[in-house]
Amino acid sequence: MLWSLHFLGNDCTVTTTDLPPRPAGARPPGRPLSTELSGQLVAVAMDILADEGWGRLNSDRVAARARAGKAGIYRRWPTMAALARHALSTTTLVQVPEDQGSLSTDLCALLLPWTRPLDRAERAAASLVGAARHDEELRAGLEESLVRPLAGAVRELAAREAGRGRELPHERVALLGQVLQALWWQRYTSFATAPMTTPQVEQLVSDVLLPIIDPGGVRPGR
């Protein structure tokens, strides 16, 4: 979390919203909300974020595309940032790979999406990175959808390695997570960068990521 705050240019603690939270299981007042319409509104919001960016997400555009009333939007989400955050929560930005047998191959599998262009959910998330510097709701959405899942994936890979008989130093695992997060943000913000090839991913893992875990294993001159 500390790294993500520094990256987004904010030195305060991430909070989810300034609005008082509803009790668990509570819904907005009035008649029950249509889950079908909720899903449609979220899908429209994701399309706008992915294809046009955060600056184009507004209630008029969402309502027009979903053929719904603006009141229906604000009954569900008080702001467009809240809608964007909810939309991100419906996606999976980081997949924990199946056990590949070694830390090296696990890391290559974790970074497999880097060999493809950003998908719809990733483009939507990428569109929020700049605005999240100034909006706590968006920061919380990125924290929940990317930072925490990525940290969890790194912990899982470290646990697998421990199960293979190699306990990794906690501080090295934490550093690996920080570097991976930095590289992930770079991928989201370097829109002109072409996807990596599989050999490039393998080289990144062997030359950059593995030496973080085992700095003594790096040969002189490399």
Protein backbone atom coordinates (compact mmCIF):
# COMPACT_ATOMS: atom_id res chain seq x y z
CA MET A 1 0.00 0.00 0.00
CA LEU A 2 2.85 2.39 0.83
CA TRP A 3 4.34 2.01 -2.63
CA SER A 4 1.03 2.62 -4.36
CA LEU A 5 0.47 5.82 -2.41
CA HIS A 6 3.90 7.14 -3.35
CA PHE A 7 3.31 6.28 -7.00
CA LEU A 8 0.00 8.06 -7.09
CA GLY A 9 1.53 11.18 -5.57
CA ASN A 10 -0.26 11.14 -2.24
CA ASP A 11 1.20 10.77 1.21
CA CYS A 12 -1.97 10.10 3.15
CA THR A 13 -3.58 6.80 4.05
CA VAL A 14 -5.89 5.29 1.45
CA THR A 15 -9.52 5.56 2.45
CA THR A 16 -12.37 4.10 0.52
CA THR A 17 -14.77 7.05 0.59
CA ASP A 18 -15.60 10.22 2.45
CA LEU A 19 -19.25 9.20 2.64
CA PRO A 20 -20.53 7.38 5.73
CA PRO A 21 -20.76 3.67 4.83
CA ARG A 22 -24.11 1.93 4.69
CA PRO A 23 -24.61 -0.95 7.11
CA ALA A 24 -23.69 -4.34 5.69
CA GLY A 25 -26.43 -5.64 3.42
CA ALA A 26 -28.25 -2.31 3.30
CA ARG A 27 -29.52 -0.91 0.03
CA PRO A 28 -30.49 2.60 -1.03
CA PRO A 29 -33.98 3.66 0.04
CA GLY A 30 -36.90 3.06 -2.28
CA ARG A 31 -37.91 0.07 -4.37
CA PRO A 32 -35.44 -2.79 -4.90
CA LEU A 33 -32.78 -2.09 -7.49
CA SER A 34 -32.78 -4.07 -10.70
CA THR A 35 -29.66 -6.24 -10.87
CA GLU A 36 -30.02 -6.38 -14.65
CA LEU A 37 -29.91 -2.59 -14.93
CA SER A 38 -27.04 -2.39 -12.44
CA GLY A 39 -25.03 -4.79 -14.59
CA GLN A 40 -25.86 -2.84 -17.72
CA LEU A 41 -24.75 0.44 -16.17
CA VAL A 42 -21.49 -1.10 -15.00
CA ALA A 43 -20.84 -2.58 -18.44
CA VAL A 44 -21.44 0.81 -20.08
CA ALA A 45 -19.14 2.52 -17.59
CA MET A 46 -16.40 -0.05 -18.27
CA ASP A 47 -16.76 0.48 -22.02
CA ILE A 48 -16.45 4.24 -21.66
CA LEU A 49 -13.41 3.98 -19.37
CA ALA A 50 -11.68 1.43 -21.57
CA ASP A 51 -12.36 3.07 -24.93
CA GLU A 52 -12.63 6.79 -24.13
CA GLY A 53 -11.12 7.34 -20.70
CA TRP A 54 -12.09 8.70 -17.31
CA GLY A 55 -12.65 12.20 -18.65
CA ARG A 56 -15.58 10.97 -20.75
CA LEU A 57 -17.37 9.14 -17.96
CA ASN A 58 -20.41 11.14 -16.88
CA SER A 59 -23.99 10.40 -15.96
CA ASP A 60 -25.41 11.78 -19.22
CA ARG A 61 -23.30 9.45 -21.36
CA VAL A 62 -23.89 6.42 -19.14
CA ALA A 63 -27.64 7.02 -19.03
CA ALA A 64 -27.88 7.55 -22.80
CA ARG A 65 -25.92 4.42 -23.66
CA ALA A 66 -27.74 2.28 -21.12
CA ARG A 67 -31.10 3.83 -22.06
CA ALA A 68 -31.74 4.48 -18.40
CA GLY A 69 -32.54 7.47 -16.24
CA LYS A 70 -29.81 9.38 -14.43
CA ALA A 71 -31.73 8.90 -11.19
CA GLY A 72 -31.17 5.16 -11.53
CA ILE A 73 -27.43 5.77 -11.63
CA TYR A 74 -27.32 7.98 -8.57
CA ARG A 75 -29.50 5.60 -6.57
CA ARG A 76 -26.67 3.12 -6.93
CA TRP A 77 -23.55 5.29 -6.93
CA PRO A 78 -23.36 8.83 -5.52
CA THR A 79 -20.52 9.84 -7.88
CA MET A 80 -18.92 8.74 -11.12
CA ALA A 81 -15.82 7.81 -9.10
CA ALA A 82 -17.94 5.45 -7.02
CA LEU A 83 -19.30 3.90 -10.22
CA ALA A 84 -15.80 3.51 -11.64
CA ARG A 85 -14.60 1.92 -8.43
CA HIS A 86 -17.50 -0.52 -8.45
CA ALA A 87 -16.85 -1.35 -12.10
CA LEU A 88 -13.24 -2.22 -11.30
CA SER A 89 -14.41 -4.48 -8.48
CA THR A 90 -16.19 -6.69 -11.03
CA THR A 91 -12.95 -7.48 -12.88
CA THR A 92 -9.80 -9.47 -12.18
CA LEU A 93 -6.68 -7.52 -13.06
CA VAL A 94 -4.15 -9.97 -11.61
CA GLN A 95 -4.45 -13.73 -11.99
CA VAL A 96 -2.51 -16.06 -9.70
CA PRO A 97 -0.99 -18.60 -12.10
CA GLU A 98 -1.12 -22.34 -11.65
CA ASP A 99 1.94 -23.82 -9.97
CA GLN A 100 4.60 -24.06 -12.67
CA GLY A 101 7.17 -25.89 -10.54
CA SER A 102 9.64 -23.09 -9.79
CA LEU A 103 9.71 -19.44 -8.79
CA SER A 104 11.15 -18.48 -12.17
CA THR A 105 8.40 -20.17 -14.18
CA ASP A 106 5.73 -18.96 -11.75
CA LEU A 107 6.87 -15.37 -12.30
CA CYS A 108 6.86 -15.87 -16.08
CA ALA A 109 3.30 -17.17 -15.84
CA LEU A 110 2.28 -14.22 -13.65
CA LEU A 111 3.60 -11.85 -16.32
CA LEU A 112 2.06 -13.76 -19.23
CA PRO A 113 -0.57 -10.99 -19.80
CA TRP A 114 2.33 -8.67 -20.62
CA THR A 115 2.75 -10.53 -23.92
CA ARG A 116 -0.68 -9.26 -24.99
CA PRO A 117 -2.16 -5.78 -25.41
CA LEU A 118 -4.11 -4.39 -22.46
CA ASP A 119 -7.54 -5.96 -22.29
CA ARG A 120 -10.78 -4.06 -21.65
CA ALA A 121 -10.53 -4.17 -17.85
CA GLU A 122 -6.86 -3.16 -17.91
CA ARG A 123 -7.58 -0.22 -20.21
CA ALA A 124 -10.34 0.90 -17.87
CA ALA A 125 -7.99 0.73 -14.89
CA ALA A 126 -5.23 2.48 -16.81
CA SER A 127 -7.56 5.38 -17.59
CA LEU A 128 -7.95 6.07 -13.86
CA VAL A 129 -4.29 6.20 -12.85
CA GLY A 130 -3.78 9.92 -13.43
CA ALA A 131 -7.09 11.00 -11.92
CA ALA A 132 -6.49 8.78 -8.88
CA ARG A 133 -3.82 11.24 -7.75
CA HIS A 134 -6.64 13.58 -6.78
CA ASP A 135 -9.55 11.26 -5.96
CA GLU A 136 -9.62 8.95 -2.94
CA GLU A 137 -12.42 6.81 -4.38
CA LEU A 138 -10.40 6.06 -7.50
CA ARG A 139 -7.28 5.39 -5.44
CA ALA A 140 -9.24 2.91 -3.35
CA GLY A 141 -10.55 1.24 -6.49
CA LEU A 142 -7.04 0.74 -7.88
CA GLU A 143 -5.83 -0.45 -4.49
CA GLU A 144 -8.58 -3.07 -4.33
CA SER A 145 -8.39 -4.23 -7.93
CA LEU A 146 -4.64 -4.20 -8.57
CA VAL A 147 -2.34 -3.46 -5.62
CA ARG A 148 -3.80 -5.93 -3.14
CA PRO A 149 -4.33 -8.79 -5.63
CA LEU A 150 -0.78 -8.39 -6.94
CA ALA A 151 0.62 -8.41 -3.41
CA GLY A 152 -1.42 -11.53 -2.71
CA ALA A 153 -0.07 -13.21 -5.84
CA VAL A 154 3.51 -12.47 -4.78
CA ARG A 155 2.85 -13.92 -1.34
CA GLU A 156 1.37 -17.03 -2.94
CA LEU A 157 4.41 -17.51 -5.15
CA ALA A 158 6.69 -17.10 -2.13
CA ALA A 159 4.62 -19.66 -0.19
CA ARG A 160 4.96 -22.12 -3.05
CA GLU A 161 8.71 -21.67 -3.02
CA ALA A 162 8.73 -22.29 0.72
CA GLY A 163 6.78 -25.48 0.08
CA ARG A 164 9.54 -26.55 -2.28
CA GLY A 165 12.01 -26.20 0.58
CA ARG A 166 13.30 -22.68 -0.04
CA GLU A 167 12.12 -20.08 2.47
CA LEU A 168 12.49 -16.61 0.94
CA PRO A 169 13.50 -13.66 3.14
CA HIS A 170 10.45 -11.55 3.98
CA GLU A 171 12.17 -8.29 3.08
CA ARG A 172 13.16 -9.68 -0.32
CA VAL A 173 9.61 -10.82 -1.04
CA ALA A 174 8.36 -7.34 -0.09
CA LEU A 175 10.90 -5.73 -2.42
CA LEU A 176 9.90 -8.07 -5.25
CA GLY A 177 6.30 -7.00 -4.76
CA GLN A 178 7.22 -3.33 -4.87
CA VAL A 179 9.21 -3.73 -8.07
CA LEU A 180 6.41 -5.72 -9.72
CA GLN A 181 3.90 -3.03 -8.77
CA ALA A 182 6.12 -0.34 -10.26
CA LEU A 183 6.46 -2.32 -13.47
CA TRP A 184 2.70 -2.93 -13.56
CA TRP A 185 1.95 0.78 -13.28
CA GLN A 186 4.49 1.49 -16.00
CA ARG A 187 2.71 -1.00 -18.25
CA TYR A 188 -0.59 0.78 -17.63
CA THR A 189 0.79 4.23 -18.39
CA SER A 190 3.12 3.45 -21.32
CA PHE A 191 0.41 3.22 -23.93
CA ALA A 192 2.80 3.42 -26.87
CA THR A 193 4.81 0.44 -25.66
CA ALA A 194 4.21 -2.76 -27.60
CA PRO A 195 3.53 -5.99 -25.68
CA MET A 196 6.60 -7.91 -24.62
CA THR A 197 7.57 -11.15 -26.28
CA THR A 198 7.82 -14.34 -24.24
CA PRO A 199 11.65 -14.28 -24.39
CA GLN A 200 11.60 -10.68 -23.14
CA VAL A 201 9.42 -11.67 -20.20
CA GLU A 202 11.78 -14.53 -19.41
CA GLN A 203 14.76 -12.18 -19.56
CA LEU A 204 13.02 -9.68 -17.27
CA VAL A 205 12.41 -12.44 -14.76
CA SER A 206 15.96 -13.82 -14.90
CA ASP A 207 17.85 -10.51 -15.06
CA VAL A 208 15.69 -8.25 -12.88
CA LEU A 209 13.25 -10.13 -10.66
CA LEU A 210 15.14 -13.23 -9.55
CA PRO A 211 18.23 -11.22 -8.45
CA ILE A 212 15.94 -9.33 -6.06
CA ILE A 213 15.25 -12.59 -4.27
CA ASP A 214 18.82 -13.85 -4.45
CA PRO A 215 21.24 -10.95 -5.00
CA GLY A 216 24.19 -13.19 -4.26
CA GLY A 217 23.28 -15.37 -7.18
CA VAL A 218 23.96 -12.63 -9.74
CA ARG A 219 27.22 -13.31 -11.53
CA PRO A 220 29.75 -10.44 -11.73
CA GLY A 221 29.54 -8.51 -14.94
CA ARG A 222 25.84 -9.18 -15.49
